[in-house]
Amino acid sequence: MTKIENELKSRENDQRRALLPLLEADDIHLRLKAAIALLAVAPEQARKVLMNIRDYSLLPYSMDASLMLTSLDNGFYVPD
């Protein structure tokens, strides 16, 4: 996933938006990874998905989403 994200980011006009359809994937892990990858280019949509995953309470995904949201809110993680 990191290689794909970096490749899309390096393309003209940062093509990470191509990952937007993955925010609606059935696979919760895929949704989580896509939301994190999209925080820099689609922060509102990505945050909404992270909040939904957090509230779904399916470990470990809900914990990962919660930690990411906390890190964003506290400024420990700044998307690039």
PDB file of N, CA and C in Angstrom:
ATOM      1  N   MET A   1       0.825  -1.184   0.000  1.00  0.00           N
ATOM      2  CA  MET A   1       0.000   0.000   0.000  1.00  0.00           C
ATOM      3  C   MET A   1       0.873   1.253   0.000  1.00  0.00           C
ATOM      4  N   THR A   2       1.948   1.238   0.750  1.00  0.00           N
ATOM      5  CA  THR A   2       2.837   2.393   0.812  1.00  0.00           C
ATOM      6  C   THR A   2       3.454   2.678  -0.551  1.00  0.00           C
ATOM      7  N   LYS A   3       3.852   1.633  -1.253  1.00  0.00           N
ATOM      8  CA  LYS A   3       4.431   1.819  -2.586  1.00  0.00           C
ATOM      9  C   LYS A   3       3.410   2.436  -3.543  1.00  0.00           C
ATOM     10  N   ILE A   4       2.194   1.965  -3.471  1.00  0.00           N
ATOM     11  CA  ILE A   4       1.133   2.510  -4.334  1.00  0.00           C
ATOM     12  C   ILE A   4       0.873   3.965  -3.982  1.00  0.00           C
ATOM     13  N   GLU A   5       0.755   4.247  -2.703  1.00  0.00           N
ATOM     14  CA  GLU A   5       0.517   5.622  -2.261  1.00  0.00           C
ATOM     15  C   GLU A   5       1.640   6.549  -2.728  1.00  0.00           C
ATOM     16  N   ASN A   6       2.880   6.118  -2.556  1.00  0.00           N
ATOM     17  CA  ASN A   6       4.014   6.942  -2.965  1.00  0.00           C
ATOM     18  C   ASN A   6       4.052   7.156  -4.474  1.00  0.00           C
ATOM     19  N   GLU A   7       3.722   6.119  -5.222  1.00  0.00           N
ATOM     20  CA  GLU A   7       3.684   6.251  -6.680  1.00  0.00           C
ATOM     21  C   GLU A   7       2.612   7.258  -7.103  1.00  0.00           C
ATOM     22  N   LEU A   8       1.432   7.139  -6.542  1.00  0.00           N
ATOM     23  CA  LEU A   8       0.356   8.075  -6.884  1.00  0.00           C
ATOM     24  C   LEU A   8       0.713   9.501  -6.465  1.00  0.00           C
ATOM     25  N   LYS A   9       1.332   9.644  -5.319  1.00  0.00           N
ATOM     26  CA  LYS A   9       1.735  10.958  -4.817  1.00  0.00           C
ATOM     27  C   LYS A   9       2.765  11.604  -5.741  1.00  0.00           C
ATOM     28  N   SER A  10       3.646  10.800  -6.306  1.00  0.00           N
ATOM     29  CA  SER A  10       4.716  11.332  -7.153  1.00  0.00           C
ATOM     30  C   SER A  10       4.243  11.749  -8.546  1.00  0.00           C
ATOM     31  N   ARG A  11       3.079  11.301  -8.926  1.00  0.00           N
ATOM     32  CA  ARG A  11       2.560  11.646 -10.253  1.00  0.00           C
ATOM     33  C   ARG A  11       2.064  13.089 -10.281  1.00  0.00           C
ATOM     34  N   GLU A  12       2.028  13.632 -11.479  1.00  0.00           N
ATOM     35  CA  GLU A  12       1.589  15.011 -11.654  1.00  0.00           C
ATOM     36  C   GLU A  12       0.230  15.238 -10.986  1.00  0.00           C
ATOM     37  N   ASN A  13       0.127  16.310 -10.240  1.00  0.00           N
ATOM     38  CA  ASN A  13      -1.093  16.698  -9.518  1.00  0.00           C
ATOM     39  C   ASN A  13      -1.502  15.711  -8.426  1.00  0.00           C
ATOM     40  N   ASP A  14      -0.556  14.972  -7.886  1.00  0.00           N
ATOM     41  CA  ASP A  14      -0.816  14.060  -6.765  1.00  0.00           C
ATOM     42  C   ASP A  14      -2.087  13.243  -7.005  1.00  0.00           C
ATOM     43  N   GLN A  15      -1.927  12.086  -7.561  1.00  0.00           N
ATOM     44  CA  GLN A  15      -3.040  11.250  -7.997  1.00  0.00           C
ATOM     45  C   GLN A  15      -3.618  10.338  -6.914  1.00  0.00           C
ATOM     46  N   ARG A  16      -3.344  10.629  -5.640  1.00  0.00           N
ATOM     47  CA  ARG A  16      -3.886   9.785  -4.568  1.00  0.00           C
ATOM     48  C   ARG A  16      -5.411   9.786  -4.531  1.00  0.00           C
ATOM     49  N   ARG A  17      -6.037  10.768  -5.142  1.00  0.00           N
ATOM     50  CA  ARG A  17      -7.512  10.787  -5.191  1.00  0.00           C
ATOM     51  C   ARG A  17      -8.075   9.548  -5.907  1.00  0.00           C
ATOM     52  N   ALA A  18      -7.240   8.881  -6.660  1.00  0.00           N
ATOM     53  CA  ALA A  18      -7.664   7.640  -7.317  1.00  0.00           C
ATOM     54  C   ALA A  18      -8.070   6.582  -6.289  1.00  0.00           C
ATOM     55  N   LEU A  19      -7.651   6.769  -5.051  1.00  0.00           N
ATOM     56  CA  LEU A  19      -7.981   5.818  -3.975  1.00  0.00           C
ATOM     57  C   LEU A  19      -9.350   6.087  -3.345  1.00  0.00           C
ATOM     58  N   LEU A  20      -9.994   7.179  -3.704  1.00  0.00           N
ATOM     59  CA  LEU A  20     -11.281   7.537  -3.090  1.00  0.00           C
ATOM     60  C   LEU A  20     -12.323   6.419  -3.124  1.00  0.00           C
ATOM     61  N   PRO A  21     -12.481   5.678  -4.212  1.00  0.00           N
ATOM     62  CA  PRO A  21     -13.479   4.601  -4.195  1.00  0.00           C
ATOM     63  C   PRO A  21     -13.223   3.547  -3.115  1.00  0.00           C
ATOM     64  N   LEU A  22     -11.980   3.428  -2.673  1.00  0.00           N
ATOM     65  CA  LEU A  22     -11.662   2.437  -1.644  1.00  0.00           C
ATOM     66  C   LEU A  22     -12.239   2.811  -0.279  1.00  0.00           C
ATOM     67  N   LEU A  23     -12.643   4.054  -0.114  1.00  0.00           N
ATOM     68  CA  LEU A  23     -13.269   4.457   1.153  1.00  0.00           C
ATOM     69  C   LEU A  23     -14.624   3.782   1.357  1.00  0.00           C
ATOM     70  N   GLU A  24     -15.158   3.202   0.297  1.00  0.00           N
ATOM     71  CA  GLU A  24     -16.440   2.505   0.379  1.00  0.00           C
ATOM     72  C   GLU A  24     -16.293   0.992   0.227  1.00  0.00           C
ATOM     73  N   ALA A  25     -15.083   0.507   0.310  1.00  0.00           N
ATOM     74  CA  ALA A  25     -14.832  -0.930   0.168  1.00  0.00           C
ATOM     75  C   ALA A  25     -15.496  -1.716   1.293  1.00  0.00           C
ATOM     76  N   ASP A  26     -15.862  -2.950   1.002  1.00  0.00           N
ATOM     77  CA  ASP A  26     -16.440  -3.822   2.028  1.00  0.00           C
ATOM     78  C   ASP A  26     -15.415  -4.198   3.091  1.00  0.00           C
ATOM     79  N   ASP A  27     -14.166  -4.307   2.695  1.00  0.00           N
ATOM     80  CA  ASP A  27     -13.091  -4.721   3.593  1.00  0.00           C
ATOM     81  C   ASP A  27     -12.696  -3.554   4.501  1.00  0.00           C
ATOM     82  N   ILE A  28     -12.890  -3.702   5.800  1.00  0.00           N
ATOM     83  CA  ILE A  28     -12.625  -2.621   6.753  1.00  0.00           C
ATOM     84  C   ILE A  28     -11.145  -2.243   6.787  1.00  0.00           C
ATOM     85  N   HIS A  29     -10.267  -3.221   6.624  1.00  0.00           N
ATOM     86  CA  HIS A  29      -8.835  -2.947   6.615  1.00  0.00           C
ATOM     87  C   HIS A  29      -8.460  -2.097   5.403  1.00  0.00           C
ATOM     88  N   LEU A  30      -9.037  -2.402   4.278  1.00  0.00           N
ATOM     89  CA  LEU A  30      -8.795  -1.624   3.064  1.00  0.00           C
ATOM     90  C   LEU A  30      -9.321  -0.197   3.229  1.00  0.00           C
ATOM     91  N   ARG A  31     -10.510  -0.054   3.815  1.00  0.00           N
ATOM     92  CA  ARG A  31     -11.054   1.286   4.074  1.00  0.00           C
ATOM     93  C   ARG A  31     -10.140   2.091   4.990  1.00  0.00           C
ATOM     94  N   LEU A  32      -9.635   1.449   6.039  1.00  0.00           N
ATOM     95  CA  LEU A  32      -8.743   2.106   6.988  1.00  0.00           C
ATOM     96  C   LEU A  32      -7.480   2.593   6.296  1.00  0.00           C
ATOM     97  N   LYS A  33      -6.838   1.722   5.538  1.00  0.00           N
ATOM     98  CA  LYS A  33      -5.602   2.085   4.848  1.00  0.00           C
ATOM     99  C   LYS A  33      -5.843   3.190   3.828  1.00  0.00           C
ATOM    100  N   ALA A  34      -6.945   3.115   3.111  1.00  0.00           N
ATOM    101  CA  ALA A  34      -7.269   4.143   2.124  1.00  0.00           C
ATOM    102  C   ALA A  34      -7.515   5.481   2.811  1.00  0.00           C
ATOM    103  N   ALA A  35      -8.227   5.475   3.929  1.00  0.00           N
ATOM    104  CA  ALA A  35      -8.512   6.715   4.648  1.00  0.00           C
ATOM    105  C   ALA A  35      -7.215   7.373   5.114  1.00  0.00           C
ATOM    106  N   ILE A  36      -6.312   6.592   5.635  1.00  0.00           N
ATOM    107  CA  ILE A  36      -5.028   7.144   6.092  1.00  0.00           C
ATOM    108  C   ILE A  36      -4.249   7.716   4.914  1.00  0.00           C
ATOM    109  N   ALA A  37      -4.247   7.002   3.801  1.00  0.00           N
ATOM    110  CA  ALA A  37      -3.531   7.468   2.610  1.00  0.00           C
ATOM    111  C   ALA A  37      -4.139   8.744   2.040  1.00  0.00           C
ATOM    112  N   LEU A  38      -5.417   8.947   2.259  1.00  0.00           N
ATOM    113  CA  LEU A  38      -6.122  10.093   1.682  1.00  0.00           C
ATOM    114  C   LEU A  38      -6.202  11.309   2.599  1.00  0.00           C
ATOM    115  N   LEU A  39      -5.675  11.222   3.777  1.00  0.00           N
ATOM    116  CA  LEU A  39      -5.786  12.338   4.719  1.00  0.00           C
ATOM    117  C   LEU A  39      -5.223  13.644   4.169  1.00  0.00           C
ATOM    118  N   ALA A  40      -4.194  13.572   3.361  1.00  0.00           N
ATOM    119  CA  ALA A  40      -3.578  14.799   2.833  1.00  0.00           C
ATOM    120  C   ALA A  40      -4.368  15.415   1.686  1.00  0.00           C
ATOM    121  N   VAL A  41      -5.091  14.600   0.936  1.00  0.00           N
ATOM    122  CA  VAL A  41      -5.755  15.114  -0.271  1.00  0.00           C
ATOM    123  C   VAL A  41      -7.275  15.172  -0.162  1.00  0.00           C
ATOM    124  N   ALA A  42      -7.845  14.420   0.756  1.00  0.00           N
ATOM    125  CA  ALA A  42      -9.300  14.426   0.967  1.00  0.00           C
ATOM    126  C   ALA A  42      -9.566  14.281   2.471  1.00  0.00           C
ATOM    127  N   PRO A  43      -9.116  15.279   3.252  1.00  0.00           N
ATOM    128  CA  PRO A  43      -9.154  15.125   4.710  1.00  0.00           C
ATOM    129  C   PRO A  43     -10.541  14.946   5.310  1.00  0.00           C
ATOM    130  N   GLU A  44     -11.534  15.633   4.804  1.00  0.00           N
ATOM    131  CA  GLU A  44     -12.878  15.505   5.377  1.00  0.00           C
ATOM    132  C   GLU A  44     -13.455  14.115   5.147  1.00  0.00           C
ATOM    133  N   GLN A  45     -13.320  13.618   3.925  1.00  0.00           N
ATOM    134  CA  GLN A  45     -13.828  12.282   3.619  1.00  0.00           C
ATOM    135  C   GLN A  45     -13.061  11.219   4.393  1.00  0.00           C
ATOM    136  N   ALA A  46     -11.750  11.366   4.451  1.00  0.00           N
ATOM    137  CA  ALA A  46     -10.921  10.396   5.160  1.00  0.00           C
ATOM    138  C   ALA A  46     -11.248  10.382   6.648  1.00  0.00           C
ATOM    139  N   ARG A  47     -11.392  11.557   7.235  1.00  0.00           N
ATOM    140  CA  ARG A  47     -11.716  11.652   8.672  1.00  0.00           C
ATOM    141  C   ARG A  47     -13.062  11.001   8.966  1.00  0.00           C
ATOM    142  N   LYS A  48     -14.038  11.223   8.093  1.00  0.00           N
ATOM    143  CA  LYS A  48     -15.361  10.627   8.294  1.00  0.00           C
ATOM    144  C   LYS A  48     -15.268   9.101   8.318  1.00  0.00           C
ATOM    145  N   VAL A  49     -14.486   8.540   7.405  1.00  0.00           N
ATOM    146  CA  VAL A  49     -14.309   7.083   7.364  1.00  0.00           C
ATOM    147  C   VAL A  49     -13.602   6.605   8.629  1.00  0.00           C
ATOM    148  N   LEU A  50     -12.568   7.320   9.046  1.00  0.00           N
ATOM    149  CA  LEU A  50     -11.864   6.934  10.271  1.00  0.00           C
ATOM    150  C   LEU A  50     -12.806   6.967  11.480  1.00  0.00           C
ATOM    151  N   MET A  51     -13.661   7.964  11.547  1.00  0.00           N
ATOM    152  CA  MET A  51     -14.620   8.045  12.654  1.00  0.00           C
ATOM    153  C   MET A  51     -15.615   6.893  12.611  1.00  0.00           C
ATOM    154  N   ASN A  52     -16.054   6.530  11.417  1.00  0.00           N
ATOM    155  CA  ASN A  52     -16.978   5.397  11.283  1.00  0.00           C
ATOM    156  C   ASN A  52     -16.322   4.091  11.712  1.00  0.00           C
ATOM    157  N   ILE A  53     -15.072   3.910  11.314  1.00  0.00           N
ATOM    158  CA  ILE A  53     -14.351   2.690  11.700  1.00  0.00           C
ATOM    159  C   ILE A  53     -14.147   2.665  13.216  1.00  0.00           C
ATOM    160  N   ARG A  54     -13.761   3.803  13.773  1.00  0.00           N
ATOM    161  CA  ARG A  54     -13.587   3.891  15.233  1.00  0.00           C
ATOM    162  C   ARG A  54     -14.877   3.510  15.957  1.00  0.00           C
ATOM    163  N   ASP A  55     -15.989   4.024  15.492  1.00  0.00           N
ATOM    164  CA  ASP A  55     -17.272   3.792  16.145  1.00  0.00           C
ATOM    165  C   ASP A  55     -17.820   2.389  15.915  1.00  0.00           C
ATOM    166  N   TYR A  56     -17.310   1.702  14.898  1.00  0.00           N
ATOM    167  CA  TYR A  56     -17.757   0.342  14.596  1.00  0.00           C
ATOM    168  C   TYR A  56     -17.280  -0.657  15.650  1.00  0.00           C
ATOM    169  N   SER A  57     -16.223  -0.318  16.350  1.00  0.00           N
ATOM    170  CA  SER A  57     -15.693  -1.114  17.473  1.00  0.00           C
ATOM    171  C   SER A  57     -15.271  -2.524  17.096  1.00  0.00           C
ATOM    172  N   LEU A  58     -14.625  -2.655  15.961  1.00  0.00           N
ATOM    173  CA  LEU A  58     -14.070  -3.946  15.559  1.00  0.00           C
ATOM    174  C   LEU A  58     -12.553  -3.857  15.667  1.00  0.00           C
ATOM    175  N   LEU A  59     -12.023  -4.503  16.695  1.00  0.00           N
ATOM    176  CA  LEU A  59     -10.576  -4.465  16.912  1.00  0.00           C
ATOM    177  C   LEU A  59      -9.860  -5.337  15.884  1.00  0.00           C
ATOM    178  N   PRO A  60      -8.677  -4.979  15.466  1.00  0.00           N
ATOM    179  CA  PRO A  60      -7.841  -3.851  15.872  1.00  0.00           C
ATOM    180  C   PRO A  60      -8.117  -2.573  15.070  1.00  0.00           C
ATOM    181  N   TYR A  61      -9.022  -2.649  14.097  1.00  0.00           N
ATOM    182  CA  TYR A  61      -9.245  -1.534  13.176  1.00  0.00           C
ATOM    183  C   TYR A  61      -9.794  -0.299  13.881  1.00  0.00           C
ATOM    184  N   SER A  62     -10.712  -0.503  14.798  1.00  0.00           N
ATOM    185  CA  SER A  62     -11.281   0.640  15.522  1.00  0.00           C
ATOM    186  C   SER A  62     -10.217   1.329  16.369  1.00  0.00           C
ATOM    187  N   MET A  63      -9.310   0.556  16.943  1.00  0.00           N
ATOM    188  CA  MET A  63      -8.221   1.128  17.739  1.00  0.00           C
ATOM    189  C   MET A  63      -7.263   1.913  16.848  1.00  0.00           C
ATOM    190  N   ASP A  64      -6.928   1.358  15.692  1.00  0.00           N
ATOM    191  CA  ASP A  64      -6.040   2.059  14.761  1.00  0.00           C
ATOM    192  C   ASP A  64      -6.663   3.379  14.302  1.00  0.00           C
ATOM    193  N   ALA A  65      -7.932   3.345  13.982  1.00  0.00           N
ATOM    194  CA  ALA A  65      -8.626   4.558  13.544  1.00  0.00           C
ATOM    195  C   ALA A  65      -8.668   5.580  14.675  1.00  0.00           C
ATOM    196  N   SER A  66      -8.947   5.132  15.873  1.00  0.00           N
ATOM    197  CA  SER A  66      -9.000   6.026  17.026  1.00  0.00           C
ATOM    198  C   SER A  66      -7.641   6.672  17.285  1.00  0.00           C
ATOM    199  N   LEU A  67      -6.592   5.881  17.228  1.00  0.00           N
ATOM    200  CA  LEU A  67      -5.248   6.419  17.443  1.00  0.00           C
ATOM    201  C   LEU A  67      -4.864   7.425  16.357  1.00  0.00           C
ATOM    202  N   MET A  68      -5.247   7.155  15.123  1.00  0.00           N
ATOM    203  CA  MET A  68      -4.950   8.080  14.035  1.00  0.00           C
ATOM    204  C   MET A  68      -5.689   9.399  14.243  1.00  0.00           C
ATOM    205  N   LEU A  69      -6.956   9.328  14.614  1.00  0.00           N
ATOM    206  CA  LEU A  69      -7.725  10.549  14.865  1.00  0.00           C
ATOM    207  C   LEU A  69      -7.125  11.352  16.014  1.00  0.00           C
ATOM    208  N   THR A  70      -6.730  10.678  17.068  1.00  0.00           N
ATOM    209  CA  THR A  70      -6.103  11.355  18.200  1.00  0.00           C
ATOM    210  C   THR A  70      -4.789  12.003  17.776  1.00  0.00           C
ATOM    211  N   SER A  71      -4.006  11.292  17.008  1.00  0.00           N
ATOM    212  CA  SER A  71      -2.731  11.835  16.527  1.00  0.00           C
ATOM    213  C   SER A  71      -2.939  13.056  15.638  1.00  0.00           C
ATOM    214  N   LEU A  72      -3.959  13.011  14.810  1.00  0.00           N
ATOM    215  CA  LEU A  72      -4.284  14.170  13.969  1.00  0.00           C
ATOM    216  C   LEU A  72      -4.706  15.358  14.818  1.00  0.00           C
ATOM    217  N   ASP A  73      -5.602  15.105  15.754  1.00  0.00           N
ATOM    218  CA  ASP A  73      -6.141  16.176  16.590  1.00  0.00           C
ATOM    219  C   ASP A  73      -5.079  16.816  17.481  1.00  0.00           C
ATOM    220  N   ASN A  74      -4.109  16.022  17.905  1.00  0.00           N
ATOM    221  CA  ASN A  74      -3.051  16.524  18.776  1.00  0.00           C
ATOM    222  C   ASN A  74      -1.851  17.065  18.003  1.00  0.00           C
ATOM    223  N   GLY A  75      -1.881  16.934  16.687  1.00  0.00           N
ATOM    224  CA  GLY A  75      -0.777  17.416  15.862  1.00  0.00           C
ATOM    225  C   GLY A  75       0.424  16.505  15.833  1.00  0.00           C
ATOM    226  N   PHE A  76       0.290  15.294  16.364  1.00  0.00           N
ATOM    227  CA  PHE A  76       1.398  14.347  16.334  1.00  0.00           C
ATOM    228  C   PHE A  76       1.599  13.769  14.937  1.00  0.00           C
ATOM    229  N   TYR A  77       0.533  13.726  14.165  1.00  0.00           N
ATOM    230  CA  TYR A  77       0.601  13.247  12.782  1.00  0.00           C
ATOM    231  C   TYR A  77       0.091  14.356  11.876  1.00  0.00           C
ATOM    232  N   VAL A  78       0.918  14.721  10.920  1.00  0.00           N
ATOM    233  CA  VAL A  78       0.548  15.734   9.936  1.00  0.00           C
ATOM    234  C   VAL A  78       0.640  15.082   8.562  1.00  0.00           C
ATOM    235  N   PRO A  79      -0.490  14.911   7.877  1.00  0.00           N
ATOM    236  CA  PRO A  79      -0.478  14.258   6.569  1.00  0.00           C
ATOM    237  C   PRO A  79       0.313  15.078   5.551  1.00  0.00           C
ATOM    238  N   ASP A  80       0.993  14.358   4.676  1.00  0.00           N
ATOM    239  CA  ASP A  80       1.726  15.057   3.606  1.00  0.00           C
ATOM    240  C   ASP A  80       1.402  14.501   2.251  1.00  0.00           C
TER     241      ASP A  80
END
